[in-house]
PDB file of N, CA and C in Angstrom:
ATOM      1  N   MET A   1     -59.740 -30.608  -2.256  1.00  0.00           N
ATOM      2  CA  MET A   1     -59.549 -29.545  -3.220  1.00  0.00           C
ATOM      3  C   MET A   1     -60.816 -28.701  -3.279  1.00  0.00           C
ATOM      4  N   SER A   2     -60.628 -27.399  -3.336  1.00  0.00           N
ATOM      5  CA  SER A   2     -61.793 -26.531  -3.391  1.00  0.00           C
ATOM      6  C   SER A   2     -62.372 -26.497  -4.806  1.00  0.00           C
ATOM      7  N   PHE A   3     -63.647 -26.163  -4.869  1.00  0.00           N
ATOM      8  CA  PHE A   3     -64.341 -26.120  -6.155  1.00  0.00           C
ATOM      9  C   PHE A   3     -63.741 -25.062  -7.069  1.00  0.00           C
ATOM     10  N   GLY A   4     -63.334 -23.928  -6.511  1.00  0.00           N
ATOM     11  CA  GLY A   4     -62.729 -22.859  -7.302  1.00  0.00           C
ATOM     12  C   GLY A   4     -61.440 -23.297  -7.968  1.00  0.00           C
ATOM     13  N   LEU A   5     -60.631 -24.087  -7.252  1.00  0.00           N
ATOM     14  CA  LEU A   5     -59.374 -24.582  -7.819  1.00  0.00           C
ATOM     15  C   LEU A   5     -59.636 -25.539  -8.975  1.00  0.00           C
ATOM     16  N   VAL A   6     -60.640 -26.383  -8.831  1.00  0.00           N
ATOM     17  CA  VAL A   6     -60.982 -27.332  -9.898  1.00  0.00           C
ATOM     18  C   VAL A   6     -61.439 -26.573 -11.143  1.00  0.00           C
ATOM     19  N   ILE A   7     -62.276 -25.567 -10.955  1.00  0.00           N
ATOM     20  CA  ILE A   7     -62.748 -24.756 -12.084  1.00  0.00           C
ATOM     21  C   ILE A   7     -61.578 -24.037 -12.745  1.00  0.00           C
ATOM     22  N   LYS A   8     -60.676 -23.480 -11.938  1.00  0.00           N
ATOM     23  CA  LYS A   8     -59.509 -22.772 -12.480  1.00  0.00           C
ATOM     24  C   LYS A   8     -58.644 -23.714 -13.313  1.00  0.00           C
ATOM     25  N   LYS A   9     -58.382 -24.899 -12.799  1.00  0.00           N
ATOM     26  CA  LYS A   9     -57.563 -25.869 -13.532  1.00  0.00           C
ATOM     27  C   LYS A   9     -58.251 -26.309 -14.822  1.00  0.00           C
ATOM     28  N   PHE A  10     -59.566 -26.487 -14.772  1.00  0.00           N
ATOM     29  CA  PHE A  10     -60.309 -26.909 -15.952  1.00  0.00           C
ATOM     30  C   PHE A  10     -60.263 -25.832 -17.037  1.00  0.00           C
ATOM     31  N   ILE A  11     -60.488 -24.600 -16.660  1.00  0.00           N
ATOM     32  CA  ILE A  11     -60.498 -23.505 -17.629  1.00  0.00           C
ATOM     33  C   ILE A  11     -59.091 -23.234 -18.157  1.00  0.00           C
ATOM     34  N   SER A  12     -58.095 -23.244 -17.283  1.00  0.00           N
ATOM     35  CA  SER A  12     -56.726 -22.943 -17.727  1.00  0.00           C
ATOM     36  C   SER A  12     -56.182 -24.018 -18.667  1.00  0.00           C
ATOM     37  N   PHE A  13     -56.697 -25.249 -18.584  1.00  0.00           N
ATOM     38  CA  PHE A  13     -56.265 -26.311 -19.488  1.00  0.00           C
ATOM     39  C   PHE A  13     -56.504 -25.918 -20.942  1.00  0.00           C
ATOM     40  N   PHE A  14     -57.609 -25.237 -21.205  1.00  0.00           N
ATOM     41  CA  PHE A  14     -57.970 -24.886 -22.578  1.00  0.00           C
ATOM     42  C   PHE A  14     -57.225 -23.661 -23.103  1.00  0.00           C
ATOM     43  N   PHE A  15     -56.461 -22.979 -22.251  1.00  0.00           N
ATOM     44  CA  PHE A  15     -55.675 -21.833 -22.684  1.00  0.00           C
ATOM     45  C   PHE A  15     -54.197 -22.163 -22.834  1.00  0.00           C
ATOM     46  N   GLU A  16     -53.797 -23.342 -22.407  1.00  0.00           N
ATOM     47  CA  GLU A  16     -52.411 -23.773 -22.554  1.00  0.00           C
ATOM     48  C   GLU A  16     -52.242 -24.441 -23.915  1.00  0.00           C
ATOM     49  N   PRO A  17     -51.068 -24.337 -24.525  1.00  0.00           N
ATOM     50  CA  PRO A  17     -50.861 -24.923 -25.855  1.00  0.00           C
ATOM     51  C   PRO A  17     -51.150 -26.421 -25.914  1.00  0.00           C
ATOM     52  N   ILE A  18     -50.680 -27.170 -24.944  1.00  0.00           N
ATOM     53  CA  ILE A  18     -50.899 -28.617 -25.006  1.00  0.00           C
ATOM     54  C   ILE A  18     -52.374 -28.948 -24.791  1.00  0.00           C
ATOM     55  N   GLY A  19     -53.069 -28.143 -24.009  1.00  0.00           N
ATOM     56  CA  GLY A  19     -54.494 -28.335 -23.819  1.00  0.00           C
ATOM     57  C   GLY A  19     -55.274 -28.093 -25.097  1.00  0.00           C
ATOM     58  N   ILE A  20     -54.879 -27.073 -25.845  1.00  0.00           N
ATOM     59  CA  ILE A  20     -55.518 -26.784 -27.126  1.00  0.00           C
ATOM     60  C   ILE A  20     -55.288 -27.928 -28.103  1.00  0.00           C
ATOM     61  N   VAL A  21     -54.050 -28.421 -28.157  1.00  0.00           N
ATOM     62  CA  VAL A  21     -53.713 -29.517 -29.077  1.00  0.00           C
ATOM     63  C   VAL A  21     -54.499 -30.782 -28.718  1.00  0.00           C
ATOM     64  N   ILE A  22     -54.526 -31.120 -27.440  1.00  0.00           N
ATOM     65  CA  ILE A  22     -55.242 -32.329 -27.017  1.00  0.00           C
ATOM     66  C   ILE A  22     -56.738 -32.200 -27.294  1.00  0.00           C
ATOM     67  N   THR A  23     -57.304 -31.023 -27.028  1.00  0.00           N
ATOM     68  CA  THR A  23     -58.726 -30.817 -27.280  1.00  0.00           C
ATOM     69  C   THR A  23     -59.059 -30.971 -28.755  1.00  0.00           C
ATOM     70  N   LEU A  24     -58.282 -30.329 -29.622  1.00  0.00           N
ATOM     71  CA  LEU A  24     -58.523 -30.448 -31.058  1.00  0.00           C
ATOM     72  C   LEU A  24     -58.361 -31.889 -31.530  1.00  0.00           C
ATOM     73  N   PHE A  25     -57.370 -32.587 -30.990  1.00  0.00           N
ATOM     74  CA  PHE A  25     -57.124 -33.974 -31.375  1.00  0.00           C
ATOM     75  C   PHE A  25     -58.281 -34.879 -30.951  1.00  0.00           C
ATOM     76  N   VAL A  26     -58.775 -34.694 -29.738  1.00  0.00           N
ATOM     77  CA  VAL A  26     -59.887 -35.517 -29.248  1.00  0.00           C
ATOM     78  C   VAL A  26     -61.155 -35.246 -30.054  1.00  0.00           C
ATOM     79  N   ILE A  27     -61.410 -33.983 -30.384  1.00  0.00           N
ATOM     80  CA  ILE A  27     -62.568 -33.667 -31.218  1.00  0.00           C
ATOM     81  C   ILE A  27     -62.418 -34.322 -32.594  1.00  0.00           C
ATOM     82  N   GLY A  28     -61.195 -34.290 -33.144  1.00  0.00           N
ATOM     83  CA  GLY A  28     -60.948 -34.948 -34.424  1.00  0.00           C
ATOM     84  C   GLY A  28     -61.175 -36.440 -34.360  1.00  0.00           C
ATOM     85  N   LEU A  29     -60.744 -37.074 -33.268  1.00  0.00           N
ATOM     86  CA  LEU A  29     -60.991 -38.510 -33.108  1.00  0.00           C
ATOM     87  C   LEU A  29     -62.479 -38.808 -32.971  1.00  0.00           C
ATOM     88  N   TYR A  30     -63.206 -37.922 -32.290  1.00  0.00           N
ATOM     89  CA  TYR A  30     -64.654 -38.102 -32.167  1.00  0.00           C
ATOM     90  C   TYR A  30     -65.316 -38.055 -33.540  1.00  0.00           C
ATOM     91  N   TYR A  31     -64.948 -37.068 -34.355  1.00  0.00           N
ATOM     92  CA  TYR A  31     -65.533 -36.979 -35.701  1.00  0.00           C
ATOM     93  C   TYR A  31     -65.116 -38.161 -36.566  1.00  0.00           C
ATOM     94  N   LEU A  32     -63.913 -38.653 -36.365  1.00  0.00           N
ATOM     95  CA  LEU A  32     -63.477 -39.845 -37.103  1.00  0.00           C
ATOM     96  C   LEU A  32     -64.322 -41.047 -36.707  1.00  0.00           C
ATOM     97  N   TYR A  33     -64.613 -41.158 -35.424  1.00  0.00           N
ATOM     98  CA  TYR A  33     -65.472 -42.244 -34.932  1.00  0.00           C
ATOM     99  C   TYR A  33     -66.890 -42.115 -35.489  1.00  0.00           C
ATOM    100  N   GLN A  34     -67.364 -40.900 -35.659  1.00  0.00           N
ATOM    101  CA  GLN A  34     -68.705 -40.651 -36.181  1.00  0.00           C
ATOM    102  C   GLN A  34     -68.757 -40.746 -37.706  1.00  0.00           C
ATOM    103  N   LYS A  35     -67.645 -41.088 -38.320  1.00  0.00           N
ATOM    104  CA  LYS A  35     -67.524 -41.243 -39.775  1.00  0.00           C
ATOM    105  C   LYS A  35     -67.751 -39.924 -40.530  1.00  0.00           C
ATOM    106  N   LYS A  36     -67.392 -38.827 -39.895  1.00  0.00           N
ATOM    107  CA  LYS A  36     -67.437 -37.514 -40.543  1.00  0.00           C
ATOM    108  C   LYS A  36     -65.981 -37.157 -40.867  1.00  0.00           C
ATOM    109  N   HIS A  37     -65.484 -37.733 -41.949  1.00  0.00           N
ATOM    110  CA  HIS A  37     -64.063 -37.678 -42.259  1.00  0.00           C
ATOM    111  C   HIS A  37     -63.567 -36.271 -42.568  1.00  0.00           C
ATOM    112  N   TYR A  38     -64.368 -35.454 -43.234  1.00  0.00           N
ATOM    113  CA  TYR A  38     -63.921 -34.103 -43.562  1.00  0.00           C
ATOM    114  C   TYR A  38     -63.674 -33.287 -42.289  1.00  0.00           C
ATOM    115  N   ARG A  39     -64.620 -33.341 -41.346  1.00  0.00           N
ATOM    116  CA  ARG A  39     -64.454 -32.632 -40.069  1.00  0.00           C
ATOM    117  C   ARG A  39     -63.285 -33.219 -39.281  1.00  0.00           C
ATOM    118  N   ALA A  40     -63.170 -34.543 -39.297  1.00  0.00           N
ATOM    119  CA  ALA A  40     -62.081 -35.202 -38.571  1.00  0.00           C
ATOM    120  C   ALA A  40     -60.731 -34.743 -39.109  1.00  0.00           C
ATOM    121  N   GLU A  41     -60.615 -34.679 -40.421  1.00  0.00           N
ATOM    122  CA  GLU A  41     -59.353 -34.222 -41.022  1.00  0.00           C
ATOM    123  C   GLU A  41     -59.044 -32.786 -40.621  1.00  0.00           C
ATOM    124  N   GLN A  42     -60.068 -31.937 -40.578  1.00  0.00           N
ATOM    125  CA  GLN A  42     -59.856 -30.539 -40.204  1.00  0.00           C
ATOM    126  C   GLN A  42     -59.314 -30.434 -38.776  1.00  0.00           C
ATOM    127  N   PHE A  43     -59.931 -31.125 -37.849  1.00  0.00           N
ATOM    128  CA  PHE A  43     -59.507 -31.030 -36.455  1.00  0.00           C
ATOM    129  C   PHE A  43     -58.165 -31.709 -36.213  1.00  0.00           C
ATOM    130  N   LEU A  44     -57.938 -32.856 -36.832  1.00  0.00           N
ATOM    131  CA  LEU A  44     -56.659 -33.538 -36.651  1.00  0.00           C
ATOM    132  C   LEU A  44     -55.518 -32.740 -37.279  1.00  0.00           C
ATOM    133  N   LEU A  45     -55.749 -32.185 -38.464  1.00  0.00           N
ATOM    134  CA  LEU A  45     -54.742 -31.344 -39.092  1.00  0.00           C
ATOM    135  C   LEU A  45     -54.525 -30.070 -38.280  1.00  0.00           C
ATOM    136  N   GLY A  46     -55.605 -29.506 -37.774  1.00  0.00           N
ATOM    137  CA  GLY A  46     -55.492 -28.305 -36.938  1.00  0.00           C
ATOM    138  C   GLY A  46     -54.680 -28.556 -35.682  1.00  0.00           C
ATOM    139  N   SER A  47     -54.887 -29.716 -35.055  1.00  0.00           N
ATOM    140  CA  SER A  47     -54.122 -30.026 -33.851  1.00  0.00           C
ATOM    141  C   SER A  47     -52.638 -30.177 -34.169  1.00  0.00           C
ATOM    142  N   MET A  48     -52.316 -30.796 -35.294  1.00  0.00           N
ATOM    143  CA  MET A  48     -50.914 -30.949 -35.677  1.00  0.00           C
ATOM    144  C   MET A  48     -50.279 -29.599 -36.041  1.00  0.00           C
ATOM    145  N   LEU A  49     -51.043 -28.737 -36.698  1.00  0.00           N
ATOM    146  CA  LEU A  49     -50.520 -27.413 -37.049  1.00  0.00           C
ATOM    147  C   LEU A  49     -50.286 -26.554 -35.814  1.00  0.00           C
ATOM    148  N   VAL A  50     -51.187 -26.611 -34.848  1.00  0.00           N
ATOM    149  CA  VAL A  50     -51.006 -25.852 -33.608  1.00  0.00           C
ATOM    150  C   VAL A  50     -49.787 -26.383 -32.854  1.00  0.00           C
ATOM    151  N   LEU A  51     -49.637 -27.701 -32.817  1.00  0.00           N
ATOM    152  CA  LEU A  51     -48.473 -28.296 -32.164  1.00  0.00           C
ATOM    153  C   LEU A  51     -47.186 -27.867 -32.854  1.00  0.00           C
ATOM    154  N   ALA A  52     -47.180 -27.890 -34.184  1.00  0.00           N
ATOM    155  CA  ALA A  52     -45.995 -27.470 -34.937  1.00  0.00           C
ATOM    156  C   ALA A  52     -45.710 -25.989 -34.726  1.00  0.00           C
ATOM    157  N   LEU A  53     -46.750 -25.171 -34.647  1.00  0.00           N
ATOM    158  CA  LEU A  53     -46.560 -23.738 -34.444  1.00  0.00           C
ATOM    159  C   LEU A  53     -45.903 -23.453 -33.103  1.00  0.00           C
ATOM    160  N   PHE A  54     -46.399 -24.081 -32.035  1.00  0.00           N
ATOM    161  CA  PHE A  54     -45.824 -23.837 -30.721  1.00  0.00           C
ATOM    162  C   PHE A  54     -44.452 -24.491 -30.563  1.00  0.00           C
ATOM    163  N   ALA A  55     -44.140 -25.502 -31.363  1.00  0.00           N
ATOM    164  CA  ALA A  55     -42.821 -26.136 -31.317  1.00  0.00           C
ATOM    165  C   ALA A  55     -41.812 -25.425 -32.206  1.00  0.00           C
ATOM    166  N   TYR A  56     -42.270 -24.546 -33.080  1.00  0.00           N
ATOM    167  CA  TYR A  56     -41.397 -23.822 -34.006  1.00  0.00           C
ATOM    168  C   TYR A  56     -40.606 -22.770 -33.219  1.00  0.00           C
ATOM    169  N   PRO A  57     -39.267 -22.874 -33.174  1.00  0.00           N
ATOM    170  CA  PRO A  57     -38.472 -22.008 -32.307  1.00  0.00           C
ATOM    171  C   PRO A  57     -38.692 -20.501 -32.476  1.00  0.00           C
ATOM    172  N   PRO A  58     -38.778 -19.937 -33.677  1.00  0.00           N
ATOM    173  CA  PRO A  58     -38.999 -18.481 -33.732  1.00  0.00           C
ATOM    174  C   PRO A  58     -40.308 -18.050 -33.070  1.00  0.00           C
ATOM    175  N   PHE A  59     -41.364 -18.834 -33.226  1.00  0.00           N
ATOM    176  CA  PHE A  59     -42.640 -18.474 -32.607  1.00  0.00           C
ATOM    177  C   PHE A  59     -42.583 -18.640 -31.095  1.00  0.00           C
ATOM    178  N   SER A  60     -42.060 -19.772 -30.624  1.00  0.00           N
ATOM    179  CA  SER A  60     -41.998 -19.994 -29.179  1.00  0.00           C
ATOM    180  C   SER A  60     -41.026 -19.021 -28.514  1.00  0.00           C
ATOM    181  N   ASN A  61     -39.923 -18.691 -29.183  1.00  0.00           N
ATOM    182  CA  ASN A  61     -39.000 -17.705 -28.618  1.00  0.00           C
ATOM    183  C   ASN A  61     -39.639 -16.326 -28.543  1.00  0.00           C
ATOM    184  N   PHE A  62     -40.473 -15.985 -29.527  1.00  0.00           N
ATOM    185  CA  PHE A  62     -41.185 -14.714 -29.487  1.00  0.00           C
ATOM    186  C   PHE A  62     -42.117 -14.658 -28.278  1.00  0.00           C
ATOM    187  N   LEU A  63     -42.842 -15.747 -28.027  1.00  0.00           N
ATOM    188  CA  LEU A  63     -43.748 -15.780 -26.886  1.00  0.00           C
ATOM    189  C   LEU A  63     -42.992 -15.677 -25.564  1.00  0.00           C
ATOM    190  N   VAL A  64     -41.864 -16.366 -25.461  1.00  0.00           N
ATOM    191  CA  VAL A  64     -41.088 -16.334 -24.229  1.00  0.00           C
ATOM    192  C   VAL A  64     -40.397 -14.989 -24.051  1.00  0.00           C
ATOM    193  N   SER A  65     -39.932 -14.395 -25.136  1.00  0.00           N
ATOM    194  CA  SER A  65     -39.195 -13.131 -25.018  1.00  0.00           C
ATOM    195  C   SER A  65     -40.065 -12.011 -24.470  1.00  0.00           C
ATOM    196  N   THR A  66     -41.354 -12.020 -24.785  1.00  0.00           N
ATOM    197  CA  THR A  66     -42.224 -10.977 -24.239  1.00  0.00           C
ATOM    198  C   THR A  66     -42.332 -11.093 -22.724  1.00  0.00           C
ATOM    199  N   LEU A  67     -42.238 -12.296 -22.187  1.00  0.00           N
ATOM    200  CA  LEU A  67     -42.255 -12.478 -20.740  1.00  0.00           C
ATOM    201  C   LEU A  67     -40.898 -12.161 -20.118  1.00  0.00           C
ATOM    202  N   GLU A  68     -39.822 -12.574 -20.793  1.00  0.00           N
ATOM    203  CA  GLU A  68     -38.489 -12.361 -20.246  1.00  0.00           C
ATOM    204  C   GLU A  68     -38.093 -10.890 -20.218  1.00  0.00           C
ATOM    205  N   GLU A  69     -38.589 -10.100 -21.148  1.00  0.00           N
ATOM    206  CA  GLU A  69     -38.209  -8.693 -21.209  1.00  0.00           C
ATOM    207  C   GLU A  69     -38.851  -7.860 -20.111  1.00  0.00           C
ATOM    208  N   GLN A  70     -39.776  -8.417 -19.365  1.00  0.00           N
ATOM    209  CA  GLN A  70     -40.406  -7.693 -18.267  1.00  0.00           C
ATOM    210  C   GLN A  70     -39.470  -7.510 -17.078  1.00  0.00           C
ATOM    211  N   TYR A  71     -38.438  -8.336 -16.985  1.00  0.00           N
ATOM    212  CA  TYR A  71     -37.579  -8.340 -15.811  1.00  0.00           C
ATOM    213  C   TYR A  71     -36.172  -7.879 -16.184  1.00  0.00           C
ATOM    214  N   PRO A  72     -35.481  -7.204 -15.256  1.00  0.00           N
ATOM    215  CA  PRO A  72     -34.128  -6.727 -15.563  1.00  0.00           C
ATOM    216  C   PRO A  72     -33.143  -7.892 -15.683  1.00  0.00           C
ATOM    217  N   LYS A  73     -32.132  -7.688 -16.484  1.00  0.00           N
ATOM    218  CA  LYS A  73     -31.095  -8.699 -16.668  1.00  0.00           C
ATOM    219  C   LYS A  73     -30.205  -8.752 -15.421  1.00  0.00           C
ATOM    220  N   TYR A  74     -29.654  -9.920 -15.174  1.00  0.00           N
ATOM    221  CA  TYR A  74     -28.770 -10.106 -14.027  1.00  0.00           C
ATOM    222  C   TYR A  74     -27.407  -9.506 -14.331  1.00  0.00           C
ATOM    223  N   GLU A  75     -26.902  -8.731 -13.423  1.00  0.00           N
ATOM    224  CA  GLU A  75     -25.549  -8.175 -13.533  1.00  0.00           C
ATOM    225  C   GLU A  75     -24.611  -9.034 -12.687  1.00  0.00           C
ATOM    226  N   SER A  76     -23.495  -9.446 -13.251  1.00  0.00           N
ATOM    227  CA  SER A  76     -22.574 -10.329 -12.532  1.00  0.00           C
ATOM    228  C   SER A  76     -21.893  -9.626 -11.367  1.00  0.00           C
ATOM    229  N   THR A  77     -22.004  -8.322 -11.288  1.00  0.00           N
ATOM    230  CA  THR A  77     -21.404  -7.587 -10.175  1.00  0.00           C
ATOM    231  C   THR A  77     -22.318  -7.567  -8.955  1.00  0.00           C
ATOM    232  N   GLN A  78     -23.555  -8.006  -9.093  1.00  0.00           N
ATOM    233  CA  GLN A  78     -24.476  -8.025  -7.968  1.00  0.00           C
ATOM    234  C   GLN A  78     -24.097  -9.130  -6.983  1.00  0.00           C
ATOM    235  N   LYS A  79     -24.275  -8.843  -5.702  1.00  0.00           N
ATOM    236  CA  LYS A  79     -23.998  -9.839  -4.670  1.00  0.00           C
ATOM    237  C   LYS A  79     -25.169 -10.817  -4.612  1.00  0.00           C
ATOM    238  N   VAL A  80     -24.866 -12.121  -4.638  1.00  0.00           N
ATOM    239  CA  VAL A  80     -25.893 -13.154  -4.620  1.00  0.00           C
ATOM    240  C   VAL A  80     -25.942 -13.756  -3.221  1.00  0.00           C
ATOM    241  N   GLN A  81     -27.139 -13.737  -2.633  1.00  0.00           N
ATOM    242  CA  GLN A  81     -27.296 -14.326  -1.314  1.00  0.00           C
ATOM    243  C   GLN A  81     -27.870 -15.742  -1.420  1.00  0.00           C
ATOM    244  N   TYR A  82     -28.793 -15.948  -2.354  1.00  0.00           N
ATOM    245  CA  TYR A  82     -29.425 -17.252  -2.525  1.00  0.00           C
ATOM    246  C   TYR A  82     -29.520 -17.591  -4.004  1.00  0.00           C
ATOM    247  N   ILE A  83     -29.533 -18.886  -4.282  1.00  0.00           N
ATOM    248  CA  ILE A  83     -29.832 -19.382  -5.627  1.00  0.00           C
ATOM    249  C   ILE A  83     -31.009 -20.326  -5.480  1.00  0.00           C
ATOM    250  N   HIS A  84     -32.032 -20.095  -6.282  1.00  0.00           N
ATOM    251  CA  HIS A  84     -33.238 -20.928  -6.229  1.00  0.00           C
ATOM    252  C   HIS A  84     -33.307 -21.742  -7.522  1.00  0.00           C
ATOM    253  N   VAL A  85     -33.242 -23.069  -7.397  1.00  0.00           N
ATOM    254  CA  VAL A  85     -33.356 -23.955  -8.553  1.00  0.00           C
ATOM    255  C   VAL A  85     -34.829 -24.240  -8.775  1.00  0.00           C
ATOM    256  N   LEU A  86     -35.333 -23.912  -9.970  1.00  0.00           N
ATOM    257  CA  LEU A  86     -36.764 -24.027 -10.231  1.00  0.00           C
ATOM    258  C   LEU A  86     -37.222 -25.451 -10.515  1.00  0.00           C
ATOM    259  N   GLY A  87     -36.350 -26.304 -10.942  1.00  0.00           N
ATOM    260  CA  GLY A  87     -36.775 -27.677 -11.194  1.00  0.00           C
ATOM    261  C   GLY A  87     -35.589 -28.573 -11.462  1.00  0.00           C
ATOM    262  N   ASN A  88     -35.631 -29.770 -10.919  1.00  0.00           N
ATOM    263  CA  ASN A  88     -34.576 -30.735 -11.148  1.00  0.00           C
ATOM    264  C   ASN A  88     -34.959 -32.016 -10.425  1.00  0.00           C
ATOM    265  N   GLY A  89     -34.223 -33.048 -10.697  1.00  0.00           N
ATOM    266  CA  GLY A  89     -34.439 -34.294  -9.977  1.00  0.00           C
ATOM    267  C   GLY A  89     -33.693 -34.267  -8.662  1.00  0.00           C
ATOM    268  N   HIS A  90     -34.043 -35.166  -7.770  1.00  0.00           N
ATOM    269  CA  HIS A  90     -33.414 -35.199  -6.455  1.00  0.00           C
ATOM    270  C   HIS A  90     -33.326 -36.643  -5.990  1.00  0.00           C
ATOM    271  N   THR A  91     -32.193 -36.983  -5.368  1.00  0.00           N
ATOM    272  CA  THR A  91     -31.984 -38.297  -4.783  1.00  0.00           C
ATOM    273  C   THR A  91     -31.730 -38.120  -3.301  1.00  0.00           C
ATOM    274  N   THR A  92     -32.485 -38.793  -2.477  1.00  0.00           N
ATOM    275  CA  THR A  92     -32.273 -38.703  -1.033  1.00  0.00           C
ATOM    276  C   THR A  92     -31.356 -39.840  -0.621  1.00  0.00           C
ATOM    277  N   ASP A  93     -30.089 -39.511  -0.438  1.00  0.00           N
ATOM    278  CA  ASP A  93     -29.086 -40.491  -0.021  1.00  0.00           C
ATOM    279  C   ASP A  93     -28.197 -39.808   1.006  1.00  0.00           C
ATOM    280  N   PRO A  94     -28.325 -40.167   2.290  1.00  0.00           N
ATOM    281  CA  PRO A  94     -27.550 -39.482   3.334  1.00  0.00           C
ATOM    282  C   PRO A  94     -26.034 -39.645   3.191  1.00  0.00           C
ATOM    283  N   SER A  95     -25.563 -40.646   2.442  1.00  0.00           N
ATOM    284  CA  SER A  95     -24.128 -40.842   2.282  1.00  0.00           C
ATOM    285  C   SER A  95     -23.521 -39.850   1.288  1.00  0.00           C
ATOM    286  N   LEU A  96     -24.362 -39.181   0.492  1.00  0.00           N
ATOM    287  CA  LEU A  96     -23.885 -38.195  -0.479  1.00  0.00           C
ATOM    288  C   LEU A  96     -23.953 -36.795   0.120  1.00  0.00           C
ATOM    289  N   PRO A  97     -23.027 -35.925  -0.282  1.00  0.00           N
ATOM    290  CA  PRO A  97     -23.166 -34.533   0.148  1.00  0.00           C
ATOM    291  C   PRO A  97     -24.416 -33.910  -0.476  1.00  0.00           C
ATOM    292  N   LEU A  98     -24.896 -32.838   0.106  1.00  0.00           N
ATOM    293  CA  LEU A  98     -26.141 -32.221  -0.330  1.00  0.00           C
ATOM    294  C   LEU A  98     -26.082 -31.795  -1.795  1.00  0.00           C
ATOM    295  N   SER A  99     -24.934 -31.285  -2.247  1.00  0.00           N
ATOM    296  CA  SER A  99     -24.825 -30.837  -3.637  1.00  0.00           C
ATOM    297  C   SER A  99     -24.851 -31.993  -4.623  1.00  0.00           C
ATOM    298  N   ALA A 100     -24.504 -33.204  -4.195  1.00  0.00           N
ATOM    299  CA  ALA A 100     -24.505 -34.370  -5.082  1.00  0.00           C
ATOM    300  C   ALA A 100     -25.860 -35.058  -5.138  1.00  0.00           C
ATOM    301  N   GLN A 101     -26.783 -34.647  -4.283  1.00  0.00           N
ATOM    302  CA  GLN A 101     -28.108 -35.279  -4.281  1.00  0.00           C
ATOM    303  C   GLN A 101     -29.004 -34.735  -5.378  1.00  0.00           C
ATOM    304  N   ILE A 102     -28.587 -33.639  -6.020  1.00  0.00           N
ATOM    305  CA  ILE A 102     -29.351 -33.108  -7.152  1.00  0.00           C
ATOM    306  C   ILE A 102     -28.884 -33.843  -8.399  1.00  0.00           C
ATOM    307  N   THR A 103     -29.821 -34.419  -9.137  1.00  0.00           N
ATOM    308  CA  THR A 103     -29.456 -35.203 -10.320  1.00  0.00           C
ATOM    309  C   THR A 103     -29.220 -34.302 -11.518  1.00  0.00           C
ATOM    310  N   ASP A 104     -28.497 -34.811 -12.486  1.00  0.00           N
ATOM    311  CA  ASP A 104     -28.207 -34.038 -13.698  1.00  0.00           C
ATOM    312  C   ASP A 104     -29.185 -34.364 -14.823  1.00  0.00           C
ATOM    313  N   ILE A 105     -30.199 -35.137 -14.557  1.00  0.00           N
ATOM    314  CA  ILE A 105     -31.171 -35.507 -15.608  1.00  0.00           C
ATOM    315  C   ILE A 105     -32.298 -34.515 -15.612  1.00  0.00           C
TER     316      ILE A 105
END
């Protein structure tokens, strides 16, 4: 792995919601270990509030909608040449047809 990729992954961790929550939680645990209960409560409560905020559907839908509105909506009259599945499970079993090897989980 290149050094630039490691730096990018390290920095981007702190800009993602789960990275922010984990960072605040770990800092809160550190202050709890240091017996600084007021600071620990602030960071632990802050981590839970940030987690609740990003899990709250109106807020998360607002964040996603700004990204989704950048692209045109699909028209059912358009001819489709390919379908790209962005994520799913897969089972490699030669006795199954290719369409049955994709799991529903």
